[in-house]
Amino acid sequence: MQLNDTYDRIYDQLAGHFALDSNLRLGVAVSGGSDSVALLQLLSRFSAQQGRSLEAVTVNHQLRPEAADEAAYVASMCEGLGVRHETLEWSDWDKQGNLQSEARNARYALISEWARRRKVNVVALGHTQNDQAETFLMRLSREAGVDGLAAMDEAFARDGVNYCRPILHLTRDELQAYLRHKNISWCEDPSNDDMHYLRVRARKAVEVLSSLGIEAQSISHVAGNLKDARNALNEMALSAAQKIAHTRDGDVVFDRAGLLAAPFEIQRRLLAKALNWVNPSDYPPRRKAISELADAISNRKKFTLNGCLILASDLVCVTREYGAVQDMISTNPTWDQWILEGDWRDGIQLRALGDPAKAGLRDWRDLGVPRESLMSSPSVWYGETMIAAPVAGWQNGWRARLLRRDFID
């Protein structure tokens, strides 16, 4: 490997990521490990040559005694490079759930808040080809499908912040060789050798597979092929949605015959997207649950999943489940996935409508909307008096607007 080639390759990638706007404020997340330290060094050089602003951030999860020293090391390195640095601390873990998953979610939340506060336009992450291969094997162990095994995105948005992975096509060995050549040290996380963690076991598995000629690069290429397949399937699902689906006041409605005529993988994508549109979630429902839902639709049975109720007749309606919102009360204009606009004053509350007939709405059947759908729609109350139910046809000077883009987008 030619060390100068490594920099040339990443320089081209960085230029591709950041060339559109010379005023972009760049951020980089640095843990102290070799991958992120190499990214910091390369980005610092790139930013200096391009006259760009660069800031760095480190998250101390406070799970290891060495973490504070690692953050201090990164801070010292940034000072030497003339890069503004900030350390963020995670201190509110409730000891519940999967530690690595909780730590990852907290890390993104902290970095996103930092980026918004510092007005950083895009945050670079130090994920490499090795991370790609390890993630592939981890998901393979969980029997993931095409979506789960597809390659990481080189650019994505989370919590309203843009992220990128500009060294995703470089290996850890390449980056470490680059750092050694520059006499730059990095921190070694002892947990990287703890076989209790699935990622560590996946890392060891990559090393074993390399003896069979299955390198991180080849695994990464397979993930890239699956990403192409995923994108093609998404295009097919979008084309199907345009023909057989529409939205109606927060619901997604499918033509049942058209939905069932589609291949199951397209049904699965359409239903998963509809469920996530009606009730946004970080994770899609599992394949088994979608399969059970498809069976219920085929047999014209009601089904609940992910806080949604699915009604099946000649049409399939995916609506919000009343039980998931019946106790939800808001004293500000936002409620669930809605914003209510009207004569707002102290004492007003937003609640789920409930049974429209019991609420005194005599003409609700004229709307042609299922009763169950109206039950989970927003209503406006002043004390114990309902003063509006905009989705159910009683506006009384109020308007309900969804806080999301159209389903078919």
Protein backbone atom coordinates (compact mmCIF):
# COMPACT_ATOMS: atom_id res chain seq x y z
CA MET A 1 0.00 0.00 0.00
CA GLN A 2 1.26 3.46 -0.88
CA LEU A 3 0.66 5.75 2.10
CA ASN A 4 0.22 8.80 -0.08
CA ASP A 5 -2.43 6.90 -2.03
CA THR A 6 -4.43 6.53 1.19
CA TYR A 7 -4.57 10.28 1.63
CA ASP A 8 -5.32 10.87 -2.04
CA ARG A 9 -8.22 8.42 -1.89
CA ILE A 10 -9.76 9.96 1.19
CA TYR A 11 -9.13 13.49 -0.05
CA ASP A 12 -11.20 12.69 -3.13
CA GLN A 13 -13.97 11.26 -0.92
CA LEU A 14 -13.93 14.26 1.39
CA ALA A 15 -14.05 16.62 -1.57
CA GLY A 16 -17.03 14.67 -2.92
CA HIS A 17 -18.86 14.90 0.41
CA PHE A 18 -18.17 18.55 1.12
CA ALA A 19 -17.57 20.26 -2.23
CA LEU A 20 -21.07 21.61 -2.72
CA ASP A 21 -20.94 24.45 -0.21
CA SER A 22 -17.76 26.19 0.86
CA ASN A 23 -19.59 27.61 3.90
CA LEU A 24 -20.41 24.21 5.40
CA ARG A 25 -19.36 23.89 9.02
CA LEU A 26 -17.84 20.43 9.43
CA GLY A 27 -17.85 18.30 12.54
CA VAL A 28 -16.07 15.05 13.35
CA ALA A 29 -16.80 12.54 16.11
CA VAL A 30 -13.56 11.29 17.66
CA SER A 31 -13.39 8.49 20.24
CA GLY A 32 -9.61 8.27 20.40
CA GLY A 33 -9.39 4.98 18.51
CA SER A 34 -7.32 4.63 15.36
CA ASP A 35 -10.20 5.04 12.90
CA SER A 36 -11.55 8.29 14.30
CA VAL A 37 -8.09 9.71 15.04
CA ALA A 38 -7.08 9.09 11.43
CA LEU A 39 -10.30 10.76 10.25
CA LEU A 40 -9.60 13.76 12.50
CA GLN A 41 -6.07 14.11 11.12
CA LEU A 42 -7.20 13.80 7.52
CA LEU A 43 -10.15 16.14 7.95
CA SER A 44 -7.95 18.69 9.69
CA ARG A 45 -5.57 18.71 6.75
CA PHE A 46 -8.43 18.83 4.27
CA SER A 47 -10.18 21.67 6.11
CA ALA A 48 -6.99 23.72 6.36
CA GLN A 49 -6.34 23.37 2.63
CA GLN A 50 -9.94 24.23 1.77
CA GLY A 51 -10.34 27.02 4.31
CA ARG A 52 -13.19 25.15 6.00
CA SER A 53 -14.38 25.33 9.60
CA LEU A 54 -13.88 22.10 11.55
CA GLU A 55 -14.95 21.14 15.08
CA ALA A 56 -14.55 17.85 16.95
CA VAL A 57 -16.64 16.13 19.59
CA THR A 58 -15.98 13.18 21.92
CA VAL A 59 -18.61 11.30 23.90
CA ASN A 60 -17.50 9.93 27.26
CA HIS A 61 -19.99 7.21 28.15
CA GLN A 62 -18.47 7.00 31.64
CA LEU A 63 -18.50 3.22 31.48
CA ARG A 64 -14.71 2.72 31.76
CA PRO A 65 -12.14 4.50 33.96
CA GLU A 66 -9.92 5.04 30.91
CA ALA A 67 -12.61 6.98 29.01
CA ALA A 68 -11.82 10.34 30.63
CA ASP A 69 -8.12 10.00 29.73
CA GLU A 70 -9.04 9.10 26.15
CA ALA A 71 -11.26 12.18 25.86
CA ALA A 72 -8.45 14.32 27.29
CA TYR A 73 -6.04 12.83 24.73
CA VAL A 74 -8.37 13.77 21.89
CA ALA A 75 -8.79 17.27 23.34
CA SER A 76 -5.01 17.70 23.46
CA MET A 77 -4.62 16.48 19.87
CA CYS A 78 -7.33 18.90 18.70
CA GLU A 79 -5.63 21.77 20.49
CA GLY A 80 -2.43 20.98 18.61
CA LEU A 81 -4.33 20.94 15.33
CA GLY A 82 -6.20 24.17 16.09
CA VAL A 83 -9.54 22.36 16.04
CA ARG A 84 -12.21 23.32 18.56
CA HIS A 85 -13.09 20.28 20.68
CA GLU A 86 -15.83 19.45 23.16
CA THR A 87 -16.36 16.41 25.39
CA LEU A 88 -19.94 15.30 26.06
CA GLU A 89 -20.85 12.97 28.92
CA TRP A 90 -23.56 10.33 29.07
CA SER A 91 -24.83 10.18 32.61
CA ASP A 92 -28.47 9.10 32.48
CA TRP A 93 -28.36 5.39 31.67
CA ASP A 94 -31.03 3.60 33.74
CA LYS A 95 -29.24 0.21 33.51
CA GLN A 96 -32.09 -1.09 31.35
CA GLY A 97 -31.88 -2.63 27.89
CA ASN A 98 -28.89 -3.61 25.78
CA LEU A 99 -25.87 -1.55 26.88
CA GLN A 100 -24.26 -1.18 23.46
CA SER A 101 -27.56 -0.25 21.81
CA GLU A 102 -28.41 2.25 24.55
CA ALA A 103 -24.90 3.73 24.38
CA ARG A 104 -25.12 4.10 20.59
CA ASN A 105 -28.52 5.83 20.77
CA ALA A 106 -27.26 8.14 23.52
CA ARG A 107 -24.12 8.92 21.53
CA TYR A 108 -26.14 9.98 18.48
CA ALA A 109 -28.52 12.04 20.63
CA LEU A 110 -25.65 13.88 22.34
CA ILE A 111 -23.73 14.49 19.11
CA SER A 112 -26.88 15.68 17.32
CA GLU A 113 -27.64 18.16 20.11
CA TRP A 114 -24.03 19.38 19.96
CA ALA A 115 -24.20 19.78 16.17
CA ARG A 116 -27.40 21.81 16.34
CA ARG A 117 -26.02 23.99 19.13
CA ARG A 118 -22.71 24.59 17.31
CA LYS A 119 -24.49 25.02 13.95
CA VAL A 120 -22.43 22.20 12.44
CA ASN A 121 -23.89 21.24 9.07
CA VAL A 122 -22.53 17.70 8.76
CA VAL A 123 -20.80 15.35 11.21
CA ALA A 124 -18.23 12.85 9.91
CA LEU A 125 -18.05 9.40 11.50
CA GLY A 126 -15.02 7.10 11.44
CA HIS A 127 -16.72 3.92 10.23
CA THR A 128 -14.48 1.80 8.03
CA GLN A 129 -14.67 -1.21 5.76
CA ASN A 130 -13.96 -3.35 8.83
CA ASP A 131 -17.00 -1.91 10.61
CA GLN A 132 -19.03 -2.72 7.52
CA ALA A 133 -17.89 -6.35 7.56
CA GLU A 134 -18.43 -6.72 11.31
CA THR A 135 -21.92 -5.25 11.10
CA PHE A 136 -22.76 -7.61 8.23
CA LEU A 137 -21.77 -10.67 10.28
CA MET A 138 -23.59 -9.42 13.37
CA ARG A 139 -26.80 -8.99 11.39
CA LEU A 140 -26.27 -12.32 9.63
CA SER A 141 -26.20 -13.97 13.07
CA ARG A 142 -29.65 -12.47 13.68
CA GLU A 143 -30.95 -13.85 10.36
CA ALA A 144 -31.43 -10.38 8.89
CA GLY A 145 -32.95 -9.94 5.46
CA VAL A 146 -31.85 -7.79 2.53
CA ASP A 147 -32.34 -4.51 4.38
CA GLY A 148 -30.39 -5.61 7.44
CA LEU A 149 -27.48 -6.99 5.42
CA ALA A 150 -27.29 -4.02 3.04
CA ALA A 151 -24.25 -1.75 3.28
CA MET A 152 -24.27 1.25 5.58
CA ASP A 153 -25.26 4.52 3.96
CA GLU A 154 -22.38 6.89 3.30
CA ALA A 155 -24.64 9.81 4.17
CA PHE A 156 -27.78 9.90 6.31
CA ALA A 157 -29.80 12.15 8.61
CA ARG A 158 -30.63 11.50 12.25
CA ASP A 159 -32.29 13.73 14.83
CA GLY A 160 -32.35 16.53 12.26
CA VAL A 161 -28.57 16.38 11.72
CA ASN A 162 -26.65 15.27 8.61
CA TYR A 163 -23.99 12.59 9.07
CA CYS A 164 -21.48 11.07 6.68
CA ARG A 165 -19.00 8.19 6.63
CA PRO A 166 -16.16 9.39 4.38
CA ILE A 167 -13.72 6.53 5.19
CA LEU A 168 -16.17 3.66 4.75
CA HIS A 169 -14.12 2.30 1.83
CA LEU A 170 -10.83 2.27 3.74
CA THR A 171 -9.63 -0.52 6.02
CA ARG A 172 -8.44 -0.20 9.60
CA ASP A 173 -5.01 -1.50 8.55
CA GLU A 174 -4.68 1.28 5.97
CA LEU A 175 -5.57 3.94 8.50
CA GLN A 176 -3.26 2.58 11.18
CA ALA A 177 -0.40 2.38 8.69
CA TYR A 178 -1.07 6.01 7.80
CA LEU A 179 -0.95 7.03 11.48
CA ARG A 180 2.27 5.11 12.11
CA HIS A 181 3.85 6.77 9.11
CA LYS A 182 2.94 10.15 10.61
CA ASN A 183 4.08 9.08 14.12
CA ILE A 184 0.58 9.66 15.49
CA SER A 185 -0.61 7.43 18.34
CA TRP A 186 -4.13 6.42 19.28
CA CYS A 187 -5.97 4.86 22.22
CA GLU A 188 -6.72 1.15 22.46
CA ASP A 189 -10.09 0.35 24.04
CA PRO A 190 -9.68 -2.81 26.19
CA SER A 191 -13.33 -3.70 25.57
CA ASN A 192 -12.33 -4.41 21.95
CA ASP A 193 -10.97 -7.73 23.27
CA ASP A 194 -13.97 -8.57 25.45
CA MET A 195 -15.61 -11.59 23.85
CA HIS A 196 -18.86 -10.89 25.71
CA TYR A 197 -19.65 -8.32 23.01
CA LEU A 198 -21.09 -9.54 19.71
CA ARG A 199 -19.11 -6.98 17.74
CA VAL A 200 -15.84 -8.28 19.20
CA ARG A 201 -16.79 -11.83 18.25
CA ALA A 202 -17.69 -10.61 14.76
CA ARG A 203 -14.29 -8.91 14.52
CA LYS A 204 -12.57 -12.17 15.41
CA ALA A 205 -14.76 -13.98 12.87
CA VAL A 206 -13.57 -11.61 10.13
CA GLU A 207 -9.99 -12.54 11.02
CA VAL A 208 -10.83 -16.25 10.78
CA LEU A 209 -12.65 -15.81 7.48
CA SER A 210 -9.66 -14.01 6.01
CA SER A 211 -7.77 -17.32 6.14
CA LEU A 212 -10.36 -18.61 3.65
CA GLY A 213 -9.84 -15.61 1.39
CA ILE A 214 -12.99 -13.88 2.64
CA GLU A 215 -11.61 -10.48 3.57
CA ALA A 216 -13.39 -7.47 5.04
CA GLN A 217 -13.29 -5.94 1.58
CA SER A 218 -15.16 -8.86 -0.02
CA ILE A 219 -17.79 -8.88 2.75
CA SER A 220 -18.19 -5.14 2.28
CA HIS A 221 -18.70 -5.65 -1.46
CA VAL A 222 -21.43 -8.22 -0.79
CA ALA A 223 -23.13 -5.71 1.52
CA GLY A 224 -22.90 -3.18 -1.31
CA ASN A 225 -24.58 -5.62 -3.70
CA LEU A 226 -27.39 -6.14 -1.20
CA LYS A 227 -27.76 -2.39 -0.86
CA ASP A 228 -28.36 -2.21 -4.62
CA ALA A 229 -30.96 -4.96 -4.27
CA ARG A 230 -32.61 -3.12 -1.37
CA ASN A 231 -32.82 0.08 -3.39
CA ALA A 232 -34.39 -1.77 -6.33
CA LEU A 233 -36.99 -3.34 -4.03
CA ASN A 234 -37.78 0.06 -2.54
CA GLU A 235 -38.34 1.45 -6.02
CA MET A 236 -40.71 -1.41 -6.80
CA ALA A 237 -42.58 -0.79 -3.54
CA LEU A 238 -42.87 2.92 -4.31
CA SER A 239 -44.24 2.16 -7.77
CA ALA A 240 -46.80 -0.20 -6.22
CA ALA A 241 -47.77 2.37 -3.56
CA GLN A 242 -48.48 4.96 -6.24
CA LYS A 243 -51.01 2.55 -7.79
CA ILE A 244 -52.72 0.97 -4.79
CA ALA A 245 -52.28 3.30 -1.79
CA HIS A 246 -53.39 6.72 -0.61
CA THR A 247 -53.50 8.61 2.66
CA ARG A 248 -56.58 9.86 4.46
CA ASP A 249 -56.30 12.09 7.53
CA GLY A 250 -53.40 10.23 9.14
CA ASP A 251 -54.33 6.78 7.82
CA VAL A 252 -52.79 4.79 4.99
CA VAL A 253 -55.37 3.03 2.83
CA PHE A 254 -54.54 0.20 0.39
CA ASP A 255 -56.59 -1.51 -2.25
CA ARG A 256 -56.71 -4.97 -0.68
CA ALA A 257 -56.71 -6.94 -3.93
CA GLY A 258 -53.76 -4.94 -5.27
CA LEU A 259 -51.82 -5.36 -2.04
CA LEU A 260 -52.33 -9.12 -1.90
CA ALA A 261 -51.40 -9.49 -5.59
CA ALA A 262 -47.94 -8.04 -4.93
CA PRO A 263 -44.99 -10.33 -4.06
CA PHE A 264 -44.70 -10.78 -0.30
CA GLU A 265 -41.48 -8.77 -0.10
CA ILE A 266 -43.28 -5.79 -1.67
CA GLN A 267 -46.26 -6.30 0.67
CA ARG A 268 -43.86 -6.38 3.60
CA ARG A 269 -42.19 -3.13 2.60
CA LEU A 270 -45.50 -1.36 1.97
CA LEU A 271 -47.00 -2.49 5.28
CA ALA A 272 -43.84 -1.72 7.27
CA LYS A 273 -43.67 1.75 5.74
CA ALA A 274 -47.37 2.35 6.42
CA LEU A 275 -47.02 1.30 10.05
CA ASN A 276 -44.01 3.57 10.48
CA TRP A 277 -45.82 6.47 8.80
CA VAL A 278 -48.87 6.18 11.05
CA ASN A 279 -46.75 5.68 14.19
CA PRO A 280 -43.06 6.48 13.60
CA SER A 281 -40.64 4.01 15.19
CA ASP A 282 -36.86 3.57 15.16
CA TYR A 283 -37.18 -0.08 14.16
CA PRO A 284 -39.45 -1.79 11.62
CA PRO A 285 -41.65 -4.70 12.74
CA ARG A 286 -40.09 -8.13 12.40
CA ARG A 287 -40.75 -10.20 9.32
CA LYS A 288 -42.78 -12.77 11.31
CA ALA A 289 -45.12 -10.05 12.58
CA ILE A 290 -45.64 -8.68 9.06
CA SER A 291 -46.32 -12.22 7.81
CA GLU A 292 -49.01 -12.62 10.49
CA LEU A 293 -50.46 -9.24 9.49
CA ALA A 294 -50.58 -10.28 5.83
CA ASP A 295 -52.48 -13.43 6.82
CA ALA A 296 -54.97 -11.33 8.79
CA ILE A 297 -55.48 -9.04 5.78
CA SER A 298 -56.02 -12.06 3.54
CA ASN A 299 -58.71 -13.29 5.94
CA ARG A 300 -60.25 -9.80 6.41
CA LYS A 301 -59.43 -9.76 10.12
CA LYS A 302 -58.47 -6.87 12.36
CA PHE A 303 -54.86 -6.78 13.55
CA THR A 304 -52.85 -4.58 15.89
CA LEU A 305 -49.13 -3.97 15.47
CA ASN A 306 -46.69 -1.20 16.46
CA GLY A 307 -49.37 1.00 17.99
CA CYS A 308 -51.51 0.71 14.86
CA LEU A 309 -54.82 -0.95 14.06
CA ILE A 310 -55.23 -2.56 10.65
CA LEU A 311 -58.75 -2.97 9.27
CA ALA A 312 -59.28 -5.25 6.28
CA SER A 313 -62.27 -5.27 3.96
CA ASP A 314 -62.09 -4.43 0.24
CA LEU A 315 -59.76 -1.71 1.47
CA VAL A 316 -56.98 -2.10 4.04
CA CYS A 317 -56.81 0.80 6.47
CA VAL A 318 -53.74 1.29 8.66
CA THR A 319 -54.78 3.69 11.42
CA ARG A 320 -53.60 4.68 14.89
CA GLU A 321 -54.67 2.24 17.61
CA TYR A 322 -57.03 3.95 20.05
CA GLY A 323 -55.60 2.05 23.00
CA ALA A 324 -52.16 3.54 22.28
CA VAL A 325 -53.41 7.15 22.50
CA GLN A 326 -56.51 7.07 24.72
CA ASP A 327 -54.58 8.37 27.74
CA MET A 328 -52.48 10.86 25.76
CA ILE A 329 -53.28 14.46 26.79
CA SER A 330 -51.50 17.56 25.52
CA THR A 331 -51.71 21.13 26.80
CA ASN A 332 -49.85 22.50 23.77
CA PRO A 333 -50.79 22.49 20.06
CA THR A 334 -49.04 19.18 19.24
CA TRP A 335 -50.66 15.82 19.96
CA ASP A 336 -49.31 12.49 18.74
CA GLN A 337 -48.52 13.14 15.05
CA TRP A 338 -50.77 16.20 14.75
CA ILE A 339 -50.62 19.94 15.26
CA LEU A 340 -53.90 21.70 16.05
CA GLU A 341 -54.47 25.27 14.90
CA GLY A 342 -57.25 27.42 16.33
CA ASP A 343 -58.23 29.81 19.12
CA TRP A 344 -55.69 28.53 21.63
CA ARG A 345 -56.02 29.67 25.24
CA ASP A 346 -55.18 28.51 28.75
CA GLY A 347 -57.17 25.48 29.82
CA ILE A 348 -57.42 23.86 26.40
CA GLN A 349 -56.39 20.22 26.12
CA LEU A 350 -55.96 17.84 23.19
CA ARG A 351 -57.18 14.26 23.56
CA ALA A 352 -58.15 11.26 21.48
CA LEU A 353 -61.75 11.61 20.31
CA GLY A 354 -62.97 8.18 21.35
CA ASP A 355 -66.35 6.90 20.17
CA PRO A 356 -67.67 9.66 17.85
CA ALA A 357 -71.31 8.81 18.62
CA LYS A 358 -70.76 9.07 22.37
CA ALA A 359 -68.93 12.35 21.75
CA GLY A 360 -72.17 13.71 20.23
CA LEU A 361 -71.10 13.70 16.57
CA ARG A 362 -74.26 12.63 14.77
CA ASP A 363 -73.05 12.84 11.18
CA TRP A 364 -69.72 11.04 11.52
CA ARG A 365 -70.86 8.15 9.27
CA ASP A 366 -71.27 10.57 6.37
CA LEU A 367 -67.49 10.96 6.28
CA GLY A 368 -67.04 7.38 5.05
CA VAL A 369 -64.27 6.87 7.58
CA PRO A 370 -64.11 3.82 9.87
CA ARG A 371 -65.26 4.47 13.43
CA GLU A 372 -61.97 3.04 14.76
CA SER A 373 -60.01 5.57 12.74
CA LEU A 374 -61.99 8.52 14.10
CA MET A 375 -61.60 7.24 17.66
CA SER A 376 -57.84 7.83 17.58
CA SER A 377 -58.09 11.24 15.90
CA PRO A 378 -57.43 14.46 17.88
CA SER A 379 -60.15 16.43 19.63
CA VAL A 380 -60.01 19.79 21.42
CA TRP A 381 -61.37 20.19 24.94
CA TYR A 382 -61.89 23.05 27.35
CA GLY A 383 -62.31 21.50 30.74
CA GLU A 384 -64.80 18.68 30.27
CA THR A 385 -66.40 20.22 27.20
CA MET A 386 -65.31 19.16 23.71
CA ILE A 387 -65.09 22.21 21.47
CA ALA A 388 -63.77 20.70 18.21
CA ALA A 389 -62.98 17.43 16.44
CA PRO A 390 -61.51 18.62 13.12
CA VAL A 391 -60.69 15.22 11.60
CA ALA A 392 -64.17 13.94 12.49
CA GLY A 393 -65.84 16.80 10.62
CA TRP A 394 -66.49 19.27 13.45
CA GLN A 395 -63.98 22.06 12.88
CA ASN A 396 -65.58 24.86 14.91
CA GLY A 397 -62.73 27.16 13.86
CA TRP A 398 -60.00 24.54 14.37
CA ARG A 399 -57.73 22.75 11.89
CA ALA A 400 -55.70 19.56 12.33
CA ARG A 401 -52.48 19.19 10.34
CA LEU A 402 -50.11 16.21 10.19
CA LEU A 403 -46.52 16.64 11.32
CA ARG A 404 -44.99 14.51 8.56
CA ARG A 405 -44.48 14.26 4.85
CA ASP A 406 -46.79 12.33 2.57
CA PHE A 407 -46.62 8.52 2.71
CA ILE A 408 -45.92 8.25 -1.01
CA ASP A 409 -42.70 10.25 -1.20
